[in-house]
Structures are given as C-alpha cells and as structure tokens.
Amino acid sequence: MGNRWSSLKEKTAPYVFLSPFLFGFIIFFSYAFIRSLYF
C-alpha cells in the first residue's frame, strides 16, 4: 500500500506544483475578461 501511495505522489507532484500557477492564470484571465466586458 505504501509503495502505491509513493508512486501516486510521484505522478501527481508536477500537477501539485503547477496548480497554483494555473489557478492564478485562470483568476487573472477571468478578471481581465470581466473588465473588458464592463469597460
């Protein structure tokens, strides 16, 4: 069980590191899109 968990963590590690950047980009683009609609 521990072996499978470590391999799963190795596979998901890049996504865990990239998710804050992706989240920030999504927030930034949605904010820019809303501003372009209203202004």
Protein backbone atom coordinates (compact mmCIF):
# COMPACT_ATOMS: atom_id res chain seq x y z
CA MET A 1 0.00 0.00 0.00
CA GLY A 2 2.78 2.45 0.87
CA ASN A 3 4.53 1.65 -2.40
CA ARG A 4 1.46 2.51 -4.45
CA TRP A 5 0.99 5.76 -2.50
CA SER A 6 4.58 6.90 -3.16
CA SER A 7 4.26 6.17 -6.89
CA LEU A 8 0.98 8.09 -6.94
CA LYS A 9 2.65 11.04 -5.22
CA GLU A 10 5.48 10.94 -7.77
CA LYS A 11 2.97 11.05 -10.63
CA THR A 12 0.89 13.87 -9.17
CA ALA A 13 3.78 16.00 -7.87
CA PRO A 14 4.16 18.15 -11.06
CA TYR A 15 0.44 18.93 -11.07
CA VAL A 16 0.56 19.89 -7.39
CA PHE A 17 3.42 22.29 -8.12
CA LEU A 18 1.71 23.70 -11.23
CA SER A 19 -1.79 24.08 -9.80
CA PRO A 20 -1.17 27.44 -8.04
CA PHE A 21 0.17 28.92 -11.29
CA LEU A 22 -2.79 27.56 -13.27
CA PHE A 23 -5.17 28.89 -10.61
CA GLY A 24 -3.55 32.32 -10.80
CA PHE A 25 -3.74 32.38 -14.59
CA ILE A 26 -7.43 31.42 -14.51
CA ILE A 27 -8.19 34.17 -11.99
CA PHE A 28 -6.20 36.73 -13.99
CA PHE A 29 -7.83 35.89 -17.32
CA SER A 30 -11.35 35.79 -15.89
CA TYR A 31 -10.72 39.17 -14.22
CA ALA A 32 -9.40 40.66 -17.47
CA PHE A 33 -12.36 39.20 -19.38
CA ILE A 34 -14.89 40.71 -16.96
CA ARG A 35 -13.12 44.07 -17.07
CA SER A 36 -13.13 44.04 -20.88
CA LEU A 37 -16.86 43.33 -20.82
CA TYR A 38 -17.72 46.18 -18.45
CA PHE A 39 -15.23 48.80 -19.62
